[in-house]
N, C-alpha and C. Protein backbone atom coordinates (compact mmCIF):
# COMPACT_ATOMS: atom_id res chain seq x y z
N MET A 1 6.85 -23.56 6.05
CA MET A 1 8.15 -24.23 6.37
C MET A 1 8.63 -23.39 7.66
N THR A 2 8.83 -24.06 8.65
CA THR A 2 9.31 -23.38 9.95
C THR A 2 10.87 -23.41 9.96
N THR A 3 11.55 -22.50 10.63
CA THR A 3 12.99 -22.55 10.87
C THR A 3 13.21 -23.29 12.24
N PRO A 4 14.20 -24.05 12.10
CA PRO A 4 14.61 -24.75 13.50
C PRO A 4 15.00 -23.85 14.65
N TYR A 5 14.55 -24.44 15.79
CA TYR A 5 14.70 -23.64 16.99
C TYR A 5 16.23 -23.20 17.08
N ARG A 6 16.51 -21.91 17.57
CA ARG A 6 17.88 -21.64 17.68
C ARG A 6 17.96 -21.03 19.15
N HIS A 7 18.98 -21.47 19.70
CA HIS A 7 19.16 -20.91 21.08
C HIS A 7 19.68 -19.34 21.21
N LEU A 8 19.08 -18.76 21.90
CA LEU A 8 19.22 -17.22 22.01
C LEU A 8 20.09 -16.95 23.27
N THR A 9 21.18 -16.46 23.20
CA THR A 9 21.95 -15.94 24.39
C THR A 9 21.19 -14.82 25.02
N PRO A 10 21.59 -14.55 26.30
CA PRO A 10 20.82 -13.26 27.04
C PRO A 10 21.04 -11.95 26.09
N GLY A 11 22.26 -11.91 25.64
CA GLY A 11 22.56 -10.76 24.77
C GLY A 11 21.75 -10.52 23.78
N MET A 12 21.57 -11.76 23.00
CA MET A 12 20.71 -11.68 21.67
C MET A 12 19.21 -11.46 22.04
N LYS A 13 18.90 -11.98 23.38
CA LYS A 13 17.50 -11.64 23.61
C LYS A 13 17.31 -10.28 24.10
N ARG A 14 18.15 -9.71 24.77
CA ARG A 14 18.16 -8.14 25.03
C ARG A 14 18.15 -7.51 23.75
N ALA A 15 18.95 -7.70 22.79
CA ALA A 15 18.90 -7.04 21.55
C ALA A 15 17.70 -7.12 20.81
N ARG A 16 17.27 -8.27 20.82
CA ARG A 16 15.84 -8.47 20.04
C ARG A 16 14.72 -7.80 20.61
N ALA A 17 14.58 -7.73 22.13
CA ALA A 17 13.54 -7.03 22.91
C ALA A 17 13.89 -5.56 22.57
N SER A 18 14.98 -4.95 22.49
CA SER A 18 15.26 -3.59 22.31
C SER A 18 14.92 -3.09 21.02
N ALA A 19 15.11 -3.98 19.95
CA ALA A 19 14.83 -3.67 18.57
C ALA A 19 13.28 -3.47 18.56
N GLN A 20 12.53 -4.61 19.31
CA GLN A 20 11.19 -4.65 19.03
C GLN A 20 10.63 -3.43 19.75
N GLU A 21 11.12 -3.06 20.92
CA GLU A 21 10.45 -1.91 21.54
C GLU A 21 10.78 -0.68 20.71
N ALA A 22 11.99 -0.58 20.14
CA ALA A 22 12.19 0.64 19.30
C ALA A 22 11.31 0.56 18.11
N ILE A 23 11.02 -0.31 17.42
CA ILE A 23 9.97 -0.45 16.35
C ILE A 23 8.68 -0.01 16.92
N ARG A 24 8.33 -0.70 18.03
CA ARG A 24 7.00 -0.17 18.54
C ARG A 24 6.73 1.41 18.81
N ARG A 25 7.99 1.83 19.42
CA ARG A 25 7.80 3.33 19.77
C ARG A 25 7.77 3.99 18.25
N ALA A 26 8.55 3.64 17.41
CA ALA A 26 8.53 4.46 16.07
C ALA A 26 7.16 4.28 15.54
N GLN A 27 6.48 3.09 15.48
CA GLN A 27 5.43 2.98 14.92
C GLN A 27 4.21 3.90 15.65
N ALA A 28 4.33 4.07 17.10
CA ALA A 28 3.30 4.79 17.79
C ALA A 28 3.53 6.29 17.34
N HIS A 29 4.61 6.76 16.95
CA HIS A 29 4.89 8.17 16.55
C HIS A 29 4.83 8.39 15.12
N ALA A 30 4.70 7.44 14.22
CA ALA A 30 4.59 7.70 12.90
C ALA A 30 2.96 8.12 12.49
N THR A 31 3.13 8.99 11.63
CA THR A 31 1.80 9.48 11.03
C THR A 31 1.15 8.43 10.27
N PRO A 32 -0.23 8.42 10.27
CA PRO A 32 -0.75 7.34 9.50
C PRO A 32 -0.73 7.65 8.12
N PRO A 33 -0.97 6.66 7.26
CA PRO A 33 -0.79 6.96 5.71
C PRO A 33 -2.03 7.80 5.32
N PRO A 34 -2.07 8.58 4.29
CA PRO A 34 -3.34 9.40 3.98
C PRO A 34 -4.33 8.46 3.46
N ALA A 35 -5.56 8.93 3.85
CA ALA A 35 -6.87 8.36 3.25
C ALA A 35 -6.83 8.19 1.74
N ALA A 36 -7.29 7.06 1.43
CA ALA A 36 -7.47 6.90 0.01
C ALA A 36 -8.35 7.90 -0.76
N ASP A 37 -8.11 8.47 -1.94
CA ASP A 37 -8.91 9.35 -2.55
C ASP A 37 -9.88 8.60 -3.45
N PRO A 38 -11.19 8.71 -2.96
CA PRO A 38 -12.21 7.97 -3.86
C PRO A 38 -12.29 8.46 -5.31
N ASP A 39 -11.80 9.62 -5.61
CA ASP A 39 -11.72 10.09 -7.10
C ASP A 39 -10.65 9.69 -7.90
N ASP A 40 -9.53 8.94 -7.11
CA ASP A 40 -8.43 8.53 -7.82
C ASP A 40 -8.76 7.36 -8.71
N PRO A 41 -8.62 7.69 -10.17
CA PRO A 41 -8.86 6.60 -11.10
C PRO A 41 -7.95 5.39 -11.01
N TRP A 42 -6.67 5.69 -10.56
CA TRP A 42 -5.85 4.59 -10.54
C TRP A 42 -5.68 3.97 -9.22
N ASP A 43 -6.47 4.38 -8.21
CA ASP A 43 -6.51 3.76 -6.94
C ASP A 43 -5.13 3.85 -6.20
N GLY A 44 -4.35 4.88 -6.39
CA GLY A 44 -3.12 5.11 -5.85
C GLY A 44 -1.88 4.22 -6.61
N ALA A 45 -2.23 3.63 -7.48
CA ALA A 45 -1.14 2.85 -8.00
C ALA A 45 -0.59 3.80 -9.33
N TRP A 46 0.68 4.02 -9.26
CA TRP A 46 1.20 4.69 -10.51
C TRP A 46 2.68 4.28 -10.58
N PRO A 47 3.05 3.79 -11.76
CA PRO A 47 2.30 3.79 -12.99
C PRO A 47 1.28 2.70 -12.99
N PRO A 48 0.15 2.87 -13.59
CA PRO A 48 -0.87 1.95 -13.61
C PRO A 48 -0.41 0.67 -14.49
N SER A 49 -1.18 -0.32 -14.09
CA SER A 49 -0.84 -1.55 -14.98
C SER A 49 -1.43 -1.36 -16.33
N PRO A 50 -0.92 -2.20 -17.36
CA PRO A 50 -1.50 -1.99 -18.62
C PRO A 50 -2.95 -2.33 -18.60
N GLN A 51 -3.39 -3.20 -17.99
CA GLN A 51 -4.91 -3.61 -17.72
C GLN A 51 -5.71 -2.39 -17.22
N ALA A 52 -5.02 -1.72 -16.26
CA ALA A 52 -5.84 -0.51 -15.60
C ALA A 52 -5.74 0.56 -16.65
N TRP A 53 -4.69 0.70 -17.31
CA TRP A 53 -4.55 1.83 -18.37
C TRP A 53 -5.68 1.63 -19.33
N ARG A 54 -5.80 0.32 -19.84
CA ARG A 54 -6.77 0.10 -20.98
C ARG A 54 -8.19 0.33 -20.45
N ALA A 55 -8.49 -0.17 -19.19
CA ALA A 55 -9.67 0.01 -18.66
C ALA A 55 -10.08 1.69 -18.51
N ARG A 56 -9.10 2.43 -18.00
CA ARG A 56 -9.30 3.77 -17.73
C ARG A 56 -9.63 4.45 -19.18
N CYS A 57 -8.93 4.13 -20.29
CA CYS A 57 -9.00 4.61 -21.57
C CYS A 57 -10.45 4.39 -22.02
N ARG A 58 -10.84 3.22 -21.73
CA ARG A 58 -12.16 2.59 -22.22
C ARG A 58 -13.39 3.45 -21.57
N GLN A 59 -13.07 3.79 -20.16
CA GLN A 59 -13.97 4.50 -19.37
C GLN A 59 -14.02 5.94 -20.01
N ILE A 60 -13.05 6.46 -20.24
CA ILE A 60 -12.89 7.82 -20.72
C ILE A 60 -13.78 7.85 -22.12
N ARG A 61 -13.17 6.90 -23.01
CA ARG A 61 -14.10 6.96 -24.42
C ARG A 61 -15.45 6.81 -24.17
N HIS A 62 -15.93 5.94 -23.10
CA HIS A 62 -17.31 5.79 -22.92
C HIS A 62 -18.03 7.03 -22.57
N ASP A 63 -17.27 7.72 -21.49
CA ASP A 63 -17.87 8.90 -20.97
C ASP A 63 -18.01 10.09 -22.05
N ILE A 64 -17.02 10.03 -22.98
CA ILE A 64 -17.05 10.96 -24.12
C ILE A 64 -18.17 10.79 -24.94
N GLU A 65 -18.43 9.45 -25.32
CA GLU A 65 -19.54 9.02 -26.06
C GLU A 65 -20.83 9.47 -25.57
N GLU A 66 -21.13 9.13 -24.32
CA GLU A 66 -22.20 9.48 -23.44
C GLU A 66 -22.49 11.02 -23.57
N THR A 67 -21.54 11.59 -23.38
CA THR A 67 -21.52 13.18 -23.44
C THR A 67 -22.11 13.71 -24.64
N ARG A 68 -21.44 13.08 -25.95
CA ARG A 68 -21.83 13.39 -27.21
C ARG A 68 -23.21 13.17 -27.50
N ARG A 69 -23.61 11.86 -26.96
CA ARG A 69 -25.06 11.46 -27.22
C ARG A 69 -26.04 12.46 -26.52
N HIS A 70 -25.80 12.66 -25.31
CA HIS A 70 -26.88 13.50 -24.57
C HIS A 70 -26.54 14.96 -24.40
N GLY A 71 -25.44 15.39 -24.95
CA GLY A 71 -25.12 16.70 -24.82
C GLY A 71 -25.29 17.64 -26.09
């Protein structure tokens, strides 16, 4: 759904252009987000969803069983 065209006064156009330029400058100087940690079991999400929590618990139990079998 598109919004109907709205007439912009010269002052509104200047304000919009100024705001867009300020955003562009701020984004140019912002530090990039940190790289994703490949060892993060939650993939950056905290608190994890219940499904992710159960999957992680299942993985830990599996790892413990494997260690007991082969260790």
